[in-house]
PDB file of N, CA and C in Angstrom:
ATOM      1  N   MET A   1     105.472 125.562  73.363  1.00  0.00           N
ATOM      2  CA  MET A   1     105.550 124.076  73.978  1.00  0.00           C
ATOM      3  C   MET A   1     106.498 123.796  75.326  1.00  0.00           C
ATOM      4  N   HIS A   2     107.158 124.366  75.679  1.00  0.00           N
ATOM      5  CA  HIS A   2     107.843 123.649  76.493  1.00  0.00           C
ATOM      6  C   HIS A   2     107.714 124.405  77.950  1.00  0.00           C
ATOM      7  N   GLN A   3     106.865 125.561  77.569  1.00  0.00           N
ATOM      8  CA  GLN A   3     106.274 125.900  78.964  1.00  0.00           C
ATOM      9  C   GLN A   3     105.051 125.628  79.701  1.00  0.00           C
ATOM     10  N   ILE A   4     104.419 124.199  78.983  1.00  0.00           N
ATOM     11  CA  ILE A   4     103.240 123.782  79.437  1.00  0.00           C
ATOM     12  C   ILE A   4     103.333 123.038  80.563  1.00  0.00           C
ATOM     13  N   GLU A   5     102.769 123.048  81.757  1.00  0.00           N
ATOM     14  CA  GLU A   5     102.999 122.376  82.713  1.00  0.00           C
ATOM     15  C   GLU A   5     102.043 121.289  82.888  1.00  0.00           C
ATOM     16  N   PRO A   6     102.564 120.302  83.191  1.00  0.00           N
ATOM     17  CA  PRO A   6     101.811 119.014  83.333  1.00  0.00           C
ATOM     18  C   PRO A   6     100.576 119.054  84.078  1.00  0.00           C
ATOM     19  N   TYR A   7      99.402 118.358  83.956  1.00  0.00           N
ATOM     20  CA  TYR A   7      98.304 118.682  85.133  1.00  0.00           C
ATOM     21  C   TYR A   7      98.561 117.402  85.984  1.00  0.00           C
ATOM     22  N   TYR A   8      98.830 117.719  87.406  1.00  0.00           N
ATOM     23  CA  TYR A   8      98.922 116.897  88.322  1.00  0.00           C
ATOM     24  C   TYR A   8      97.945 116.208  88.872  1.00  0.00           C
ATOM     25  N   ASN A   9      96.994 117.048  88.644  1.00  0.00           N
ATOM     26  CA  ASN A   9      95.548 116.840  90.046  1.00  0.00           C
ATOM     27  C   ASN A   9      94.969 115.457  89.632  1.00  0.00           C
ATOM     28  N   TRP A  10      95.082 114.798  88.679  1.00  0.00           N
ATOM     29  CA  TRP A  10      94.547 113.692  87.989  1.00  0.00           C
ATOM     30  C   TRP A  10      95.181 112.557  89.128  1.00  0.00           C
ATOM     31  N   LEU A  11      96.190 113.036  89.876  1.00  0.00           N
ATOM     32  CA  LEU A  11      96.875 111.719  90.781  1.00  0.00           C
ATOM     33  C   LEU A  11      96.249 111.465  91.774  1.00  0.00           C
ATOM     34  N   LYS A  12      95.191 112.309  92.138  1.00  0.00           N
ATOM     35  CA  LYS A  12      94.447 111.872  93.222  1.00  0.00           C
ATOM     36  C   LYS A  12      93.126 110.558  92.980  1.00  0.00           C
ATOM     37  N   TYR A  13      93.153 110.551  91.672  1.00  0.00           N
ATOM     38  CA  TYR A  13      92.122 109.299  91.336  1.00  0.00           C
ATOM     39  C   TYR A  13      93.006 108.287  90.512  1.00  0.00           C
ATOM     40  N   TYR A  14      94.094 108.263  90.225  1.00  0.00           N
ATOM     41  CA  TYR A  14      94.688 107.137  89.740  1.00  0.00           C
ATOM     42  C   TYR A  14      96.452 107.380  89.647  1.00  0.00           C
ATOM     43  N   ASN A  15      97.144 106.572  90.614  1.00  0.00           N
ATOM     44  CA  ASN A  15      98.575 106.844  90.662  1.00  0.00           C
ATOM     45  C   ASN A  15      99.140 105.473  90.069  1.00  0.00           C
ATOM     46  N   PRO A  16      99.737 105.330  88.853  1.00  0.00           N
ATOM     47  CA  PRO A  16     100.506 104.228  88.086  1.00  0.00           C
ATOM     48  C   PRO A  16     101.503 103.775  89.196  1.00  0.00           C
ATOM     49  N   ALA A  17     102.232 104.289  89.927  1.00  0.00           N
ATOM     50  CA  ALA A  17     103.079 103.978  90.711  1.00  0.00           C
ATOM     51  C   ALA A  17     102.717 102.773  91.837  1.00  0.00           C
ATOM     52  N   LYS A  18     101.519 102.979  92.084  1.00  0.00           N
ATOM     53  CA  LYS A  18     101.052 102.382  93.347  1.00  0.00           C
ATOM     54  C   LYS A  18      99.937 101.282  92.673  1.00  0.00           C
ATOM     55  N   ASP A  19      99.578 101.189  91.034  1.00  0.00           N
ATOM     56  CA  ASP A  19      99.143  99.891  90.542  1.00  0.00           C
ATOM     57  C   ASP A  19      99.659  98.988  90.410  1.00  0.00           C
ATOM     58  N   PRO A  20      99.573  97.665  90.973  1.00  0.00           N
ATOM     59  CA  PRO A  20     100.221  96.362  90.519  1.00  0.00           C
ATOM     60  C   PRO A  20     100.075  95.992  89.350  1.00  0.00           C
ATOM     61  N   GLN A  21      99.072  96.453  88.339  1.00  0.00           N
ATOM     62  CA  GLN A  21      98.909  95.854  87.319  1.00  0.00           C
ATOM     63  C   GLN A  21      99.613  96.920  86.043  1.00  0.00           C
ATOM     64  N   SER A  22     100.335  98.204  86.707  1.00  0.00           N
ATOM     65  CA  SER A  22     100.835  99.152  85.668  1.00  0.00           C
ATOM     66  C   SER A  22     102.417  98.794  85.448  1.00  0.00           C
ATOM     67  N   PRO A  23     102.655  99.015  84.355  1.00  0.00           N
ATOM     68  CA  PRO A  23     104.284  98.871  84.124  1.00  0.00           C
ATOM     69  C   PRO A  23     105.208  99.695  84.917  1.00  0.00           C
ATOM     70  N   PHE A  24     104.410 100.622  85.603  1.00  0.00           N
ATOM     71  CA  PHE A  24     105.108 101.843  86.229  1.00  0.00           C
ATOM     72  C   PHE A  24     105.275 101.522  87.901  1.00  0.00           C
ATOM     73  N   TYR A  25     104.666 100.298  88.394  1.00  0.00           N
ATOM     74  CA  TYR A  25     104.395 100.039  89.372  1.00  0.00           C
ATOM     75  C   TYR A  25     106.040 100.114  90.600  1.00  0.00           C
ATOM     76  N   GLY A  26     106.017 100.539  91.334  1.00  0.00           N
ATOM     77  CA  GLY A  26     107.091 100.905  92.256  1.00  0.00           C
ATOM     78  C   GLY A  26     107.799 102.097  92.071  1.00  0.00           C
ATOM     79  N   LYS A  27     107.742 102.542  90.734  1.00  0.00           N
ATOM     80  CA  LYS A  27     108.667 103.688  90.414  1.00  0.00           C
ATOM     81  C   LYS A  27     108.433 105.199  91.254  1.00  0.00           C
ATOM     82  N   GLU A  28     109.506 105.517  91.351  1.00  0.00           N
ATOM     83  CA  GLU A  28     109.612 106.745  92.469  1.00  0.00           C
ATOM     84  C   GLU A  28     109.752 108.118  91.177  1.00  0.00           C
ATOM     85  N   TYR A  29     108.786 108.931  91.354  1.00  0.00           N
ATOM     86  CA  TYR A  29     108.612 110.044  90.286  1.00  0.00           C
ATOM     87  C   TYR A  29     109.276 111.281  91.350  1.00  0.00           C
ATOM     88  N   ASN A  30     110.218 111.996  90.608  1.00  0.00           N
ATOM     89  CA  ASN A  30     110.332 113.245  91.163  1.00  0.00           C
ATOM     90  C   ASN A  30     109.973 114.413  90.357  1.00  0.00           C
ATOM     91  N   PHE A  31     108.970 115.309  90.980  1.00  0.00           N
ATOM     92  CA  PHE A  31     108.297 116.248  90.104  1.00  0.00           C
ATOM     93  C   PHE A  31     108.688 117.701  90.267  1.00  0.00           C
ATOM     94  N   ASP A  32     109.811 117.793  91.002  1.00  0.00           N
ATOM     95  CA  ASP A  32     110.878 119.094  90.837  1.00  0.00           C
ATOM     96  C   ASP A  32     111.759 118.947  89.730  1.00  0.00           C
ATOM     97  N   GLN A  33     112.236 117.826  89.346  1.00  0.00           N
ATOM     98  CA  GLN A  33     113.329 117.948  88.150  1.00  0.00           C
ATOM     99  C   GLN A  33     112.990 116.635  87.195  1.00  0.00           C
ATOM    100  N   TYR A  34     113.408 117.037  86.344  1.00  0.00           N
ATOM    101  CA  TYR A  34     112.840 116.014  85.005  1.00  0.00           C
ATOM    102  C   TYR A  34     114.267 114.983  85.159  1.00  0.00           C
ATOM    103  N   SER A  35     113.863 113.505  85.168  1.00  0.00           N
ATOM    104  CA  SER A  35     114.546 112.590  84.769  1.00  0.00           C
ATOM    105  C   SER A  35     114.624 111.658  83.659  1.00  0.00           C
ATOM    106  N   ASP A  36     113.597 111.593  82.721  1.00  0.00           N
ATOM    107  CA  ASP A  36     113.362 110.949  81.539  1.00  0.00           C
ATOM    108  C   ASP A  36     113.157 111.941  80.607  1.00  0.00           C
ATOM    109  N   THR A  37     113.778 111.607  79.092  1.00  0.00           N
ATOM    110  CA  THR A  37     113.806 112.257  77.939  1.00  0.00           C
ATOM    111  C   THR A  37     112.700 111.937  77.319  1.00  0.00           C
ATOM    112  N   ILE A  38     111.896 112.774  76.385  1.00  0.00           N
ATOM    113  CA  ILE A  38     110.868 112.650  75.522  1.00  0.00           C
ATOM    114  C   ILE A  38     111.594 112.789  74.170  1.00  0.00           C
ATOM    115  N   TYR A  39     111.678 111.682  73.345  1.00  0.00           N
ATOM    116  CA  TYR A  39     112.275 112.282  71.812  1.00  0.00           C
ATOM    117  C   TYR A  39     113.829 112.560  71.745  1.00  0.00           C
ATOM    118  N   GLY A  40     114.315 112.399  72.926  1.00  0.00           N
ATOM    119  CA  GLY A  40     116.027 112.451  72.793  1.00  0.00           C
ATOM    120  C   GLY A  40     115.912 114.427  73.107  1.00  0.00           C
ATOM    121  N   TYR A  41     114.910 114.769  73.863  1.00  0.00           N
ATOM    122  CA  TYR A  41     115.291 115.912  74.234  1.00  0.00           C
ATOM    123  C   TYR A  41     115.236 116.160  75.861  1.00  0.00           C
TER     124      TYR A  41
END
């Protein structure tokens, strides 16, 4: 489970950081390093 790569190809269709209706609007993502945790891991 920890070796699964996220599917990044969908970003060409929709980017939540550029959508003013999204709660993630204006957030800067770093795809080389993880900055957020999921379930405390």
